[in-house]
Amino acid sequence: MFPETEKNRKVRHRNLYIFLALCLLTVGSVSAQRRHTSYNNYIKQYAPLAVQQMKQHNVPASITLAQGLLESGAGLSKLALESNNHFGIKCGLGWKGRSVRANDDAPNECFRAYRKVEDSYQDHSLFLVGNQRYSSLFSLKKTDYKGWAKGLKKAGYATDPSYANKLITIIETYDLYKYDTDGMSKREAKKWQKLLKKKPWLANPHEVKIANGLAYVVAREGDTFRLLGGEFDISWKKLPKYNDLQRDYTLEEGDIIYLKEKNKKTVADVIYHVVREGDSMHTISQVYGVRLKTLYKLNKMAEDHIPEVGERVWLK
């Protein structure tokens, strides 16, 4: 995908910071209620994964979930959305996997990038287990979330002086400590399995990506508009319209599906696309997040036009 403009990046980061601040306030307004729901949704999605990591590596599930919520903005930060990094872990000297650059304590720092969220959770556990400065934490009880939170701050996991207090506040606000005893109770596990039958996407949520300032997902085998609509709380009937498709269209693996209406032009620096083998006006529209009808108008084409290899298709 083409790179995001600096202006859009700053706007998205500003909105994320506002989002995080609201999530930690007492729920008292419609806006705050929505933020509270976002945190609950994150916990429903990733609590089983946090419990699994606790059983394998003895890192309290409450700590894992609280760090994931705080570091990733409930999975909505740019690092989480684009690189599946939910814990803000930087590359380090020994990292040999994929990486991305982002501004943090210093400009253009190196952060780890993962193929899927599960890899991020696994690496978070291994990062703590394999780092000598966190070794003292494993002598604490798994139920001592306050000791773990303070120990992480003392060991230098984050530079924020209130980092430990933020973790503790999240754990106590959302009752995350209940996952540190026996993980999930039989009742909770049964409830979780029942929920998965109604909402199967919770077990393996789609990775949300960004193009032209718009959120989109890549369809997987078996996906339907109804399933995607349920996962993202969008009327499924809007999704075909947003993506210039018919309602009876059968989604194919690899299809780009936008979660809101596409733009009238690209916001990136690229101004035209050179047609390659296999391109169609629709696939070009999807890659750049530009409405199909707009592309036809911009290029003064009939709506049955078939682009030829090497042809320029203007995007703005």
C-alpha atoms as a PDB file:
ATOM      1  CA  MET A   1       0.000   0.000   0.000  1.00  0.00           C
ATOM      2  CA  PHE A   2       1.107   3.575  -0.516  1.00  0.00           C
ATOM      3  CA  PRO A   3       2.472   5.468   2.499  1.00  0.00           C
ATOM      4  CA  GLU A   4       0.242   7.492   4.805  1.00  0.00           C
ATOM      5  CA  THR A   5       0.707  11.273   4.671  1.00  0.00           C
ATOM      6  CA  GLU A   6       2.304  13.037   7.628  1.00  0.00           C
ATOM      7  CA  LYS A   7      -0.845  15.129   8.132  1.00  0.00           C
ATOM      8  CA  ASN A   8      -3.087  12.052   8.382  1.00  0.00           C
ATOM      9  CA  ARG A   9      -0.606  10.312  10.687  1.00  0.00           C
ATOM     10  CA  LYS A  10      -0.661  13.237  13.110  1.00  0.00           C
ATOM     11  CA  VAL A  11      -4.455  13.389  13.059  1.00  0.00           C
ATOM     12  CA  ARG A  12      -4.748   9.665  13.764  1.00  0.00           C
ATOM     13  CA  HIS A  13      -2.213   9.848  16.580  1.00  0.00           C
ATOM     14  CA  ARG A  14      -4.011  12.824  18.124  1.00  0.00           C
ATOM     15  CA  ASN A  15      -7.313  10.955  17.984  1.00  0.00           C
ATOM     16  CA  LEU A  16      -5.681   7.881  19.549  1.00  0.00           C
ATOM     17  CA  TYR A  17      -4.357   9.883  22.491  1.00  0.00           C
ATOM     18  CA  ILE A  18      -7.820  11.339  23.052  1.00  0.00           C
ATOM     19  CA  PHE A  19      -9.235   7.828  22.909  1.00  0.00           C
ATOM     20  CA  LEU A  20      -6.793   6.532  25.537  1.00  0.00           C
ATOM     21  CA  ALA A  21      -7.504   9.405  27.890  1.00  0.00           C
ATOM     22  CA  LEU A  22     -11.244   8.847  27.688  1.00  0.00           C
ATOM     23  CA  CYS A  23     -10.889   5.118  28.297  1.00  0.00           C
ATOM     24  CA  LEU A  24      -9.406   5.746  31.739  1.00  0.00           C
ATOM     25  CA  LEU A  25     -12.128   8.149  32.839  1.00  0.00           C
ATOM     26  CA  THR A  26     -15.262   7.099  34.700  1.00  0.00           C
ATOM     27  CA  VAL A  27     -18.006   6.089  32.309  1.00  0.00           C
ATOM     28  CA  GLY A  28     -20.482   8.903  32.422  1.00  0.00           C
ATOM     29  CA  SER A  29     -21.263   9.945  28.886  1.00  0.00           C
ATOM     30  CA  VAL A  30     -22.180   8.310  25.605  1.00  0.00           C
ATOM     31  CA  SER A  31     -18.659   8.895  24.293  1.00  0.00           C
ATOM     32  CA  ALA A  32     -17.034   7.393  27.388  1.00  0.00           C
ATOM     33  CA  GLN A  33     -19.434   4.446  27.233  1.00  0.00           C
ATOM     34  CA  ARG A  34     -18.221   3.623  23.735  1.00  0.00           C
ATOM     35  CA  ARG A  35     -14.605   3.659  24.921  1.00  0.00           C
ATOM     36  CA  HIS A  36     -15.495   1.342  27.802  1.00  0.00           C
ATOM     37  CA  THR A  37     -17.068  -1.049  25.314  1.00  0.00           C
ATOM     38  CA  SER A  38     -13.907  -1.038  23.205  1.00  0.00           C
ATOM     39  CA  TYR A  39     -11.874  -2.156  26.222  1.00  0.00           C
ATOM     40  CA  ASN A  40     -14.399  -4.887  27.001  1.00  0.00           C
ATOM     41  CA  ASN A  41     -14.302  -6.110  23.410  1.00  0.00           C
ATOM     42  CA  TYR A  42     -10.515  -6.309  23.528  1.00  0.00           C
ATOM     43  CA  ILE A  43     -10.647  -8.335  26.742  1.00  0.00           C
ATOM     44  CA  LYS A  44     -13.209 -10.745  25.251  1.00  0.00           C
ATOM     45  CA  GLN A  45     -10.983 -11.276  22.222  1.00  0.00           C
ATOM     46  CA  TYR A  46      -7.659 -11.739  23.938  1.00  0.00           C
ATOM     47  CA  ALA A  47      -8.338 -13.033  27.470  1.00  0.00           C
ATOM     48  CA  PRO A  48      -8.051 -16.692  26.338  1.00  0.00           C
ATOM     49  CA  LEU A  49      -4.724 -15.871  24.682  1.00  0.00           C
ATOM     50  CA  ALA A  50      -3.433 -14.140  27.836  1.00  0.00           C
ATOM     51  CA  VAL A  51      -4.472 -17.125  29.972  1.00  0.00           C
ATOM     52  CA  GLN A  52      -2.735 -19.494  27.576  1.00  0.00           C
ATOM     53  CA  GLN A  53       0.482 -17.472  27.865  1.00  0.00           C
ATOM     54  CA  MET A  54       0.171 -17.484  31.670  1.00  0.00           C
ATOM     55  CA  LYS A  55      -0.045 -21.269  31.717  1.00  0.00           C
ATOM     56  CA  GLN A  56       2.980 -21.604  29.427  1.00  0.00           C
ATOM     57  CA  HIS A  57       5.256 -18.869  30.796  1.00  0.00           C
ATOM     58  CA  ASN A  58       3.864 -17.820  34.218  1.00  0.00           C
ATOM     59  CA  VAL A  59       3.228 -14.206  33.278  1.00  0.00           C
ATOM     60  CA  PRO A  60      -0.044 -13.125  34.999  1.00  0.00           C
ATOM     61  CA  ALA A  61      -2.862 -12.888  32.480  1.00  0.00           C
ATOM     62  CA  SER A  62      -4.030  -9.661  34.124  1.00  0.00           C
ATOM     63  CA  ILE A  63      -0.650  -8.035  33.477  1.00  0.00           C
ATOM     64  CA  THR A  64      -0.554  -9.234  29.866  1.00  0.00           C
ATOM     65  CA  LEU A  65      -4.062  -7.928  29.191  1.00  0.00           C
ATOM     66  CA  ALA A  66      -3.483  -4.604  30.954  1.00  0.00           C
ATOM     67  CA  GLN A  67      -0.248  -4.022  29.051  1.00  0.00           C
ATOM     68  CA  GLY A  68      -1.926  -4.986  25.788  1.00  0.00           C
ATOM     69  CA  LEU A  69      -4.789  -2.557  26.446  1.00  0.00           C
ATOM     70  CA  LEU A  70      -2.504   0.282  27.476  1.00  0.00           C
ATOM     71  CA  GLU A  71       0.268  -0.162  24.911  1.00  0.00           C
ATOM     72  CA  SER A  72      -2.044  -0.767  21.941  1.00  0.00           C
ATOM     73  CA  GLY A  73      -4.966   1.505  22.823  1.00  0.00           C
ATOM     74  CA  ALA A  74      -7.260  -1.549  22.936  1.00  0.00           C
ATOM     75  CA  GLY A  75      -5.757  -2.760  19.661  1.00  0.00           C
ATOM     76  CA  LEU A  76      -6.373   0.523  17.809  1.00  0.00           C
ATOM     77  CA  SER A  77      -2.883   2.054  17.760  1.00  0.00           C
ATOM     78  CA  LYS A  78      -1.026   2.321  14.463  1.00  0.00           C
ATOM     79  CA  LEU A  79       1.612  -0.133  15.696  1.00  0.00           C
ATOM     80  CA  ALA A  80      -1.098  -2.669  16.593  1.00  0.00           C
ATOM     81  CA  LEU A  81      -3.184  -2.198  13.455  1.00  0.00           C
ATOM     82  CA  GLU A  82      -0.339  -2.248  10.948  1.00  0.00           C
ATOM     83  CA  SER A  83       2.292  -4.424  12.681  1.00  0.00           C
ATOM     84  CA  ASN A  84       0.314  -6.527  15.209  1.00  0.00           C
ATOM     85  CA  ASN A  85       2.605  -5.230  17.976  1.00  0.00           C
ATOM     86  CA  HIS A  86       0.335  -4.959  21.028  1.00  0.00           C
ATOM     87  CA  PHE A  87       3.056  -4.385  23.635  1.00  0.00           C
ATOM     88  CA  GLY A  88       5.241  -1.650  22.178  1.00  0.00           C
ATOM     89  CA  ILE A  89       8.281  -3.936  22.125  1.00  0.00           C
ATOM     90  CA  LYS A  90      11.258  -2.408  20.342  1.00  0.00           C
ATOM     91  CA  CYS A  91      13.631  -4.372  18.130  1.00  0.00           C
ATOM     92  CA  GLY A  92      16.648  -4.727  20.409  1.00  0.00           C
ATOM     93  CA  LEU A  93      20.037  -6.021  19.292  1.00  0.00           C
ATOM     94  CA  GLY A  94      18.964  -9.661  18.970  1.00  0.00           C
ATOM     95  CA  TRP A  95      15.782  -9.129  16.926  1.00  0.00           C
ATOM     96  CA  LYS A  96      15.946 -10.736  13.458  1.00  0.00           C
ATOM     97  CA  GLY A  97      12.273 -10.539  12.466  1.00  0.00           C
ATOM     98  CA  ARG A  98      10.291  -7.890  10.610  1.00  0.00           C
ATOM     99  CA  SER A  99      10.409  -4.345  11.921  1.00  0.00           C
ATOM    100  CA  VAL A 100       8.885  -0.890  11.442  1.00  0.00           C
ATOM    101  CA  ARG A 101      10.008   2.613  12.338  1.00  0.00           C
ATOM    102  CA  ALA A 102       8.055   4.982  14.578  1.00  0.00           C
ATOM    103  CA  ASN A 103       8.686   7.946  16.853  1.00  0.00           C
ATOM    104  CA  ASP A 104       8.666   7.173  20.581  1.00  0.00           C
ATOM    105  CA  ASP A 105      11.241   8.193  23.191  1.00  0.00           C
ATOM    106  CA  ALA A 106      13.422   9.159  20.213  1.00  0.00           C
ATOM    107  CA  PRO A 107      12.633   9.781  16.519  1.00  0.00           C
ATOM    108  CA  ASN A 108      12.445   6.878  14.084  1.00  0.00           C
ATOM    109  CA  GLU A 109      12.882   4.042  16.589  1.00  0.00           C
ATOM    110  CA  CYS A 110      12.770   0.387  15.554  1.00  0.00           C
ATOM    111  CA  PHE A 111       9.759  -1.683  16.672  1.00  0.00           C
ATOM    112  CA  ARG A 112       9.047  -5.364  16.159  1.00  0.00           C
ATOM    113  CA  ALA A 113       6.410  -6.339  13.602  1.00  0.00           C
ATOM    114  CA  TYR A 114       4.477  -9.606  13.673  1.00  0.00           C
ATOM    115  CA  ARG A 115       2.541 -11.713  11.195  1.00  0.00           C
ATOM    116  CA  LYS A 116      -0.384 -12.093  13.602  1.00  0.00           C
ATOM    117  CA  VAL A 117      -1.476 -10.902  17.047  1.00  0.00           C
ATOM    118  CA  GLU A 118      -0.814 -14.311  18.603  1.00  0.00           C
ATOM    119  CA  ASP A 119       2.872 -13.907  17.719  1.00  0.00           C
ATOM    120  CA  SER A 120       2.931 -10.601  19.573  1.00  0.00           C
ATOM    121  CA  TYR A 121       1.504 -12.202  22.728  1.00  0.00           C
ATOM    122  CA  GLN A 122       3.987 -15.067  22.526  1.00  0.00           C
ATOM    123  CA  ASP A 123       6.924 -12.718  21.999  1.00  0.00           C
ATOM    124  CA  HIS A 124       5.794 -10.553  24.933  1.00  0.00           C
ATOM    125  CA  SER A 125       6.022 -13.573  27.234  1.00  0.00           C
ATOM    126  CA  LEU A 126       9.385 -14.656  25.847  1.00  0.00           C
ATOM    127  CA  PHE A 127      10.666 -11.083  26.103  1.00  0.00           C
ATOM    128  CA  LEU A 128       9.945 -11.057  29.841  1.00  0.00           C
ATOM    129  CA  VAL A 129      11.121 -14.623  30.479  1.00  0.00           C
ATOM    130  CA  GLY A 130      14.353 -14.220  28.558  1.00  0.00           C
ATOM    131  CA  ASN A 131      15.386 -10.806  29.890  1.00  0.00           C
ATOM    132  CA  GLN A 132      17.473 -10.867  33.064  1.00  0.00           C
ATOM    133  CA  ARG A 133      16.161  -7.535  34.344  1.00  0.00           C
ATOM    134  CA  TYR A 134      12.658  -9.023  34.696  1.00  0.00           C
ATOM    135  CA  SER A 135      13.798 -12.257  36.384  1.00  0.00           C
ATOM    136  CA  SER A 136      12.839 -11.119  39.899  1.00  0.00           C
ATOM    137  CA  LEU A 137       9.205 -10.794  38.823  1.00  0.00           C
ATOM    138  CA  PHE A 138       8.861 -14.541  38.417  1.00  0.00           C
ATOM    139  CA  SER A 139       9.460 -15.050  42.137  1.00  0.00           C
ATOM    140  CA  LEU A 140       6.194 -13.190  42.774  1.00  0.00           C
ATOM    141  CA  LYS A 141       2.851 -14.937  42.938  1.00  0.00           C
ATOM    142  CA  LYS A 142       0.824 -14.807  39.735  1.00  0.00           C
ATOM    143  CA  THR A 143      -1.947 -13.167  41.737  1.00  0.00           C
ATOM    144  CA  ASP A 144       0.339 -10.304  42.847  1.00  0.00           C
ATOM    145  CA  TYR A 145      -0.539  -8.010  39.951  1.00  0.00           C
ATOM    146  CA  LYS A 146       0.469  -4.921  41.923  1.00  0.00           C
ATOM    147  CA  GLY A 147       3.953  -6.333  42.498  1.00  0.00           C
ATOM    148  CA  TRP A 148       4.243  -7.214  38.820  1.00  0.00           C
ATOM    149  CA  ALA A 149       3.070  -3.763  37.699  1.00  0.00           C
ATOM    150  CA  LYS A 150       5.523  -1.974  39.992  1.00  0.00           C
ATOM    151  CA  GLY A 151       8.305  -4.403  39.058  1.00  0.00           C
ATOM    152  CA  LEU A 152       7.824  -3.792  35.339  1.00  0.00           C
ATOM    153  CA  LYS A 153       8.093  -0.042  35.871  1.00  0.00           C
ATOM    154  CA  LYS A 154      11.161  -0.413  38.119  1.00  0.00           C
ATOM    155  CA  ALA A 155      12.864  -2.700  35.585  1.00  0.00           C
ATOM    156  CA  GLY A 156      12.388  -0.102  32.855  1.00  0.00           C
ATOM    157  CA  TYR A 157       9.641  -1.569  30.674  1.00  0.00           C
ATOM    158  CA  ALA A 158       8.260   1.962  30.154  1.00  0.00           C
ATOM    159  CA  THR A 159       9.530   5.489  30.827  1.00  0.00           C
ATOM    160  CA  ASP A 160       6.124   6.797  31.940  1.00  0.00           C
ATOM    161  CA  PRO A 161       6.448   7.466  35.726  1.00  0.00           C
ATOM    162  CA  SER A 162       2.791   6.516  36.264  1.00  0.00           C
ATOM    163  CA  TYR A 163       3.028   3.289  34.211  1.00  0.00           C
ATOM    164  CA  ALA A 164       2.506   0.962  37.200  1.00  0.00           C
ATOM    165  CA  ASN A 165      -0.496   2.918  38.469  1.00  0.00           C
ATOM    166  CA  LYS A 166      -2.084   2.856  35.019  1.00  0.00           C
ATOM    167  CA  LEU A 167      -1.728  -0.925  34.801  1.00  0.00           C
ATOM    168  CA  ILE A 168      -3.193  -1.389  38.277  1.00  0.00           C
ATOM    169  CA  THR A 169      -6.102   0.951  37.473  1.00  0.00           C
ATOM    170  CA  ILE A 170      -6.937  -0.990  34.312  1.00  0.00           C
ATOM    171  CA  ILE A 171      -6.712  -4.347  36.095  1.00  0.00           C
ATOM    172  CA  GLU A 172      -9.002  -3.245  38.925  1.00  0.00           C
ATOM    173  CA  THR A 173     -11.439  -1.333  36.713  1.00  0.00           C
ATOM    174  CA  TYR A 174     -11.977  -4.320  34.404  1.00  0.00           C
ATOM    175  CA  ASP A 175     -11.565  -7.108  37.019  1.00  0.00           C
ATOM    176  CA  LEU A 176      -8.655  -8.605  35.099  1.00  0.00           C
ATOM    177  CA  TYR A 177      -7.238 -10.202  38.252  1.00  0.00           C
ATOM    178  CA  LYS A 178      -9.879 -12.938  37.977  1.00  0.00           C
ATOM    179  CA  TYR A 179      -7.879 -14.447  35.108  1.00  0.00           C
ATOM    180  CA  ASP A 180      -4.840 -14.952  37.365  1.00  0.00           C
ATOM    181  CA  THR A 181      -6.374 -17.596  39.615  1.00  0.00           C
ATOM    182  CA  ASP A 182      -7.539 -20.488  37.463  1.00  0.00           C
ATOM    183  CA  GLY A 183      -7.557 -18.581  34.234  1.00  0.00           C
ATOM    184  CA  MET A 184     -11.111 -18.995  33.047  1.00  0.00           C
ATOM    185  CA  SER A 185     -13.614 -20.816  35.220  1.00  0.00           C
ATOM    186  CA  LYS A 186     -15.592 -23.653  33.659  1.00  0.00           C
ATOM    187  CA  ARG A 187     -18.602 -21.372  33.593  1.00  0.00           C
ATOM    188  CA  GLU A 188     -16.642 -18.631  31.806  1.00  0.00           C
ATOM    189  CA  ALA A 189     -15.121 -21.116  29.364  1.00  0.00           C
ATOM    190  CA  LYS A 190     -18.577 -22.486  28.546  1.00  0.00           C
ATOM    191  CA  LYS A 191     -19.890 -18.971  28.111  1.00  0.00           C
ATOM    192  CA  TRP A 192     -16.932 -18.155  25.849  1.00  0.00           C
ATOM    193  CA  GLN A 193     -17.583 -21.187  23.617  1.00  0.00           C
ATOM    194  CA  LYS A 194     -21.251 -20.261  23.394  1.00  0.00           C
ATOM    195  CA  LEU A 195     -20.280 -16.722  22.427  1.00  0.00           C
ATOM    196  CA  LEU A 196     -17.937 -18.021  19.714  1.00  0.00           C
ATOM    197  CA  LYS A 197     -20.816 -19.835  18.038  1.00  0.00           C
ATOM    198  CA  LYS A 198     -22.619 -16.510  17.663  1.00  0.00           C
ATOM    199  CA  LYS A 199     -19.510 -14.429  17.017  1.00  0.00           C
ATOM    200  CA  PRO A 200     -16.819 -16.700  15.503  1.00  0.00           C
ATOM    201  CA  TRP A 201     -14.592 -13.732  14.623  1.00  0.00           C
ATOM    202  CA  LEU A 202     -13.722 -13.246  18.318  1.00  0.00           C
ATOM    203  CA  ALA A 203     -11.424 -16.288  18.185  1.00  0.00           C
ATOM    204  CA  ASN A 204      -9.488 -14.933  15.214  1.00  0.00           C
ATOM    205  CA  PRO A 205     -10.314 -11.278  14.523  1.00  0.00           C
ATOM    206  CA  HIS A 206      -9.297  -9.709  11.232  1.00  0.00           C
ATOM    207  CA  GLU A 207      -6.256  -7.475  11.159  1.00  0.00           C
ATOM    208  CA  VAL A 208      -7.379  -3.928  10.380  1.00  0.00           C
ATOM    209  CA  LYS A 209      -5.134  -2.089   7.927  1.00  0.00           C
ATOM    210  CA  ILE A 210      -5.059   1.464   6.615  1.00  0.00           C
ATOM    211  CA  ALA A 211      -5.013   2.786   3.027  1.00  0.00           C
ATOM    212  CA  ASN A 212      -5.828   6.310   1.890  1.00  0.00           C
ATOM    213  CA  GLY A 213      -6.695   7.119   5.504  1.00  0.00           C
ATOM    214  CA  LEU A 214      -9.374   4.389   5.517  1.00  0.00           C
ATOM    215  CA  ALA A 215      -9.666   1.188   7.541  1.00  0.00           C
ATOM    216  CA  TYR A 216      -9.936  -2.061   5.581  1.00  0.00           C
ATOM    217  CA  VAL A 217      -9.524  -5.808   6.065  1.00  0.00           C
ATOM    218  CA  VAL A 218      -8.400  -8.573   3.740  1.00  0.00           C
ATOM    219  CA  ALA A 219     -11.082 -11.231   3.276  1.00  0.00           C
ATOM    220  CA  ARG A 220     -10.340 -14.792   4.336  1.00  0.00           C
ATOM    221  CA  GLU A 221     -11.802 -18.048   3.073  1.00  0.00           C
ATOM    222  CA  GLY A 222     -15.393 -18.373   4.237  1.00  0.00           C
ATOM    223  CA  ASP A 223     -15.905 -14.667   4.927  1.00  0.00           C
ATOM    224  CA  THR A 224     -19.241 -13.045   4.083  1.00  0.00           C
ATOM    225  CA  PHE A 225     -20.526  -9.502   4.284  1.00  0.00           C
ATOM    226  CA  ARG A 226     -22.739 -10.573   7.195  1.00  0.00           C
ATOM    227  CA  LEU A 227     -19.799 -11.961   9.188  1.00  0.00           C
ATOM    228  CA  LEU A 228     -17.672  -8.855   8.599  1.00  0.00           C
ATOM    229  CA  GLY A 229     -20.601  -6.604   9.430  1.00  0.00           C
ATOM    230  CA  GLY A 230     -21.077  -8.456  12.726  1.00  0.00           C
ATOM    231  CA  GLU A 231     -17.384  -8.290  13.611  1.00  0.00           C
ATOM    232  CA  PHE A 232     -17.107  -4.554  13.069  1.00  0.00           C
ATOM    233  CA  ASP A 233     -20.628  -3.572  14.123  1.00  0.00           C
ATOM    234  CA  ILE A 234     -21.503  -2.273  10.649  1.00  0.00           C
ATOM    235  CA  SER A 235     -24.697  -2.982   8.740  1.00  0.00           C
ATOM    236  CA  TRP A 236     -23.596  -5.708   6.335  1.00  0.00           C
ATOM    237  CA  LYS A 237     -25.713  -4.111   3.592  1.00  0.00           C
ATOM    238  CA  LYS A 238     -23.399  -1.074   3.614  1.00  0.00           C
ATOM    239  CA  LEU A 239     -20.233  -3.065   2.949  1.00  0.00           C
ATOM    240  CA  PRO A 240     -21.042  -3.975  -0.700  1.00  0.00           C
ATOM    241  CA  LYS A 241     -21.873  -0.311  -1.358  1.00  0.00           C
ATOM    242  CA  TYR A 242     -18.654   0.905   0.273  1.00  0.00           C
ATOM    243  CA  ASN A 243     -16.685  -1.473  -1.955  1.00  0.00           C
ATOM    244  CA  ASP A 244     -18.555  -1.032  -5.264  1.00  0.00           C
ATOM    245  CA  LEU A 245     -19.881  -4.595  -5.168  1.00  0.00           C
ATOM    246  CA  GLN A 246     -23.281  -6.252  -5.453  1.00  0.00           C
ATOM    247  CA  ARG A 247     -24.947  -7.636  -2.308  1.00  0.00           C
ATOM    248  CA  ASP A 248     -24.891 -11.156  -3.749  1.00  0.00           C
ATOM    249  CA  TYR A 249     -21.157 -11.004  -4.459  1.00  0.00           C
ATOM    250  CA  THR A 250     -19.269 -13.941  -2.930  1.00  0.00           C
ATOM    251  CA  LEU A 251     -16.172 -12.748  -1.125  1.00  0.00           C
ATOM    252  CA  GLU A 252     -12.918 -14.336  -2.220  1.00  0.00           C
ATOM    253  CA  GLU A 253      -9.797 -14.823  -0.149  1.00  0.00           C
ATOM    254  CA  GLY A 254      -7.570 -11.766  -0.585  1.00  0.00           C
ATOM    255  CA  ASP A 255     -10.356  -9.292  -1.418  1.00  0.00           C
ATOM    256  CA  ILE A 256      -9.814  -5.817   0.046  1.00  0.00           C
ATOM    257  CA  ILE A 257     -12.919  -4.747   1.962  1.00  0.00           C
ATOM    258  CA  TYR A 258     -13.218  -1.180   3.258  1.00  0.00           C
ATOM    259  CA  LEU A 259     -15.180  -0.540   6.438  1.00  0.00           C
ATOM    260  CA  LYS A 260     -16.430   2.880   5.358  1.00  0.00           C
ATOM    261  CA  GLU A 261     -17.055   4.663   2.078  1.00  0.00           C
ATOM    262  CA  LYS A 262     -13.994   5.194  -0.066  1.00  0.00           C
ATOM    263  CA  ASN A 263     -12.613   8.659  -0.834  1.00  0.00           C
ATOM    264  CA  LYS A 264     -13.112  10.735  -3.960  1.00  0.00           C
ATOM    265  CA  LYS A 265      -9.359  10.924  -4.513  1.00  0.00           C
ATOM    266  CA  THR A 266      -6.141   9.612  -3.065  1.00  0.00           C
ATOM    267  CA  VAL A 267      -4.570  11.562  -0.213  1.00  0.00           C
ATOM    268  CA  ALA A 268      -1.110  10.111  -0.885  1.00  0.00           C
ATOM    269  CA  ASP A 269       1.609  11.658  -3.031  1.00  0.00           C
ATOM    270  CA  VAL A 270       0.982   9.199  -5.875  1.00  0.00           C
ATOM    271  CA  ILE A 271      -1.242  10.792  -8.521  1.00  0.00           C
ATOM    272  CA  TYR A 272      -1.690   7.988 -11.043  1.00  0.00           C
ATOM    273  CA  HIS A 273      -1.453   4.209 -11.371  1.00  0.00           C
ATOM    274  CA  VAL A 274       0.223   2.399 -14.248  1.00  0.00           C
ATOM    275  CA  VAL A 275      -1.935  -0.570 -15.216  1.00  0.00           C
ATOM    276  CA  ARG A 276      -0.333  -3.986 -14.778  1.00  0.00           C
ATOM    277  CA  GLU A 277      -1.327  -7.467 -15.912  1.00  0.00           C
ATOM    278  CA  GLY A 278      -4.517  -8.549 -14.116  1.00  0.00           C
ATOM    279  CA  ASP A 279      -5.567  -5.029 -13.071  1.00  0.00           C
ATOM    280  CA  SER A 280      -9.141  -3.851 -13.471  1.00  0.00           C
ATOM    281  CA  MET A 281     -10.686  -0.513 -12.650  1.00  0.00           C
ATOM    282  CA  HIS A 282     -12.262  -2.134  -9.578  1.00  0.00           C
ATOM    283  CA  THR A 283      -9.005  -3.611  -8.247  1.00  0.00           C
ATOM    284  CA  ILE A 284      -7.284  -0.243  -8.745  1.00  0.00           C
ATOM    285  CA  SER A 285     -10.166   1.413  -6.893  1.00  0.00           C
ATOM    286  CA  GLN A 286      -9.696  -1.011  -3.991  1.00  0.00           C
ATOM    287  CA  VAL A 287      -5.914  -0.733  -3.779  1.00  0.00           C
ATOM    288  CA  TYR A 288      -6.019   3.057  -3.512  1.00  0.00           C
ATOM    289  CA  GLY A 289      -9.296   3.471  -1.618  1.00  0.00           C
ATOM    290  CA  VAL A 290     -10.854   5.662  -4.313  1.00  0.00           C
ATOM    291  CA  ARG A 291     -14.500   5.310  -5.380  1.00  0.00           C
ATOM    292  CA  LEU A 292     -14.931   3.456  -8.654  1.00  0.00           C
ATOM    293  CA  LYS A 293     -17.313   6.015 -10.192  1.00  0.00           C
ATOM    294  CA  THR A 294     -14.858   8.761  -9.294  1.00  0.00           C
ATOM    295  CA  LEU A 295     -12.057   6.961 -11.143  1.00  0.00           C
ATOM    296  CA  TYR A 296     -14.175   6.762 -14.279  1.00  0.00           C
ATOM    297  CA  LYS A 297     -14.973  10.501 -14.049  1.00  0.00           C
ATOM    298  CA  LEU A 298     -11.392  11.525 -13.315  1.00  0.00           C
ATOM    299  CA  ASN A 299     -10.188   9.598 -16.345  1.00  0.00           C
ATOM    300  CA  LYS A 300     -13.178  10.486 -18.585  1.00  0.00           C
ATOM    301  CA  MET A 301     -13.878   6.794 -19.148  1.00  0.00           C
ATOM    302  CA  ALA A 302     -17.063   4.895 -19.868  1.00  0.00           C
ATOM    303  CA  GLU A 303     -18.073   2.614 -16.995  1.00  0.00           C
ATOM    304  CA  ASP A 304     -17.420  -0.478 -19.119  1.00  0.00           C
ATOM    305  CA  HIS A 305     -13.846   0.593 -19.894  1.00  0.00           C
ATOM    306  CA  ILE A 306     -11.230  -2.159 -19.583  1.00  0.00           C
ATOM    307  CA  PRO A 307      -7.788  -0.677 -18.852  1.00  0.00           C
ATOM    308  CA  GLU A 308      -4.818  -1.859 -20.904  1.00  0.00           C
ATOM    309  CA  VAL A 309      -1.398  -2.768 -19.557  1.00  0.00           C
ATOM    310  CA  GLY A 310       0.763   0.376 -19.387  1.00  0.00           C
ATOM    311  CA  GLU A 311      -2.209   2.753 -19.348  1.00  0.00           C
ATOM    312  CA  ARG A 312      -2.216   5.532 -16.766  1.00  0.00           C
ATOM    313  CA  VAL A 313      -5.196   5.752 -14.423  1.00  0.00           C
ATOM    314  CA  TRP A 314      -5.350   9.104 -12.641  1.00  0.00           C
ATOM    315  CA  LEU A 315      -6.148   9.019  -8.935  1.00  0.00           C
ATOM    316  CA  LYS A 316      -6.733  12.712  -8.285  1.00  0.00           C
END
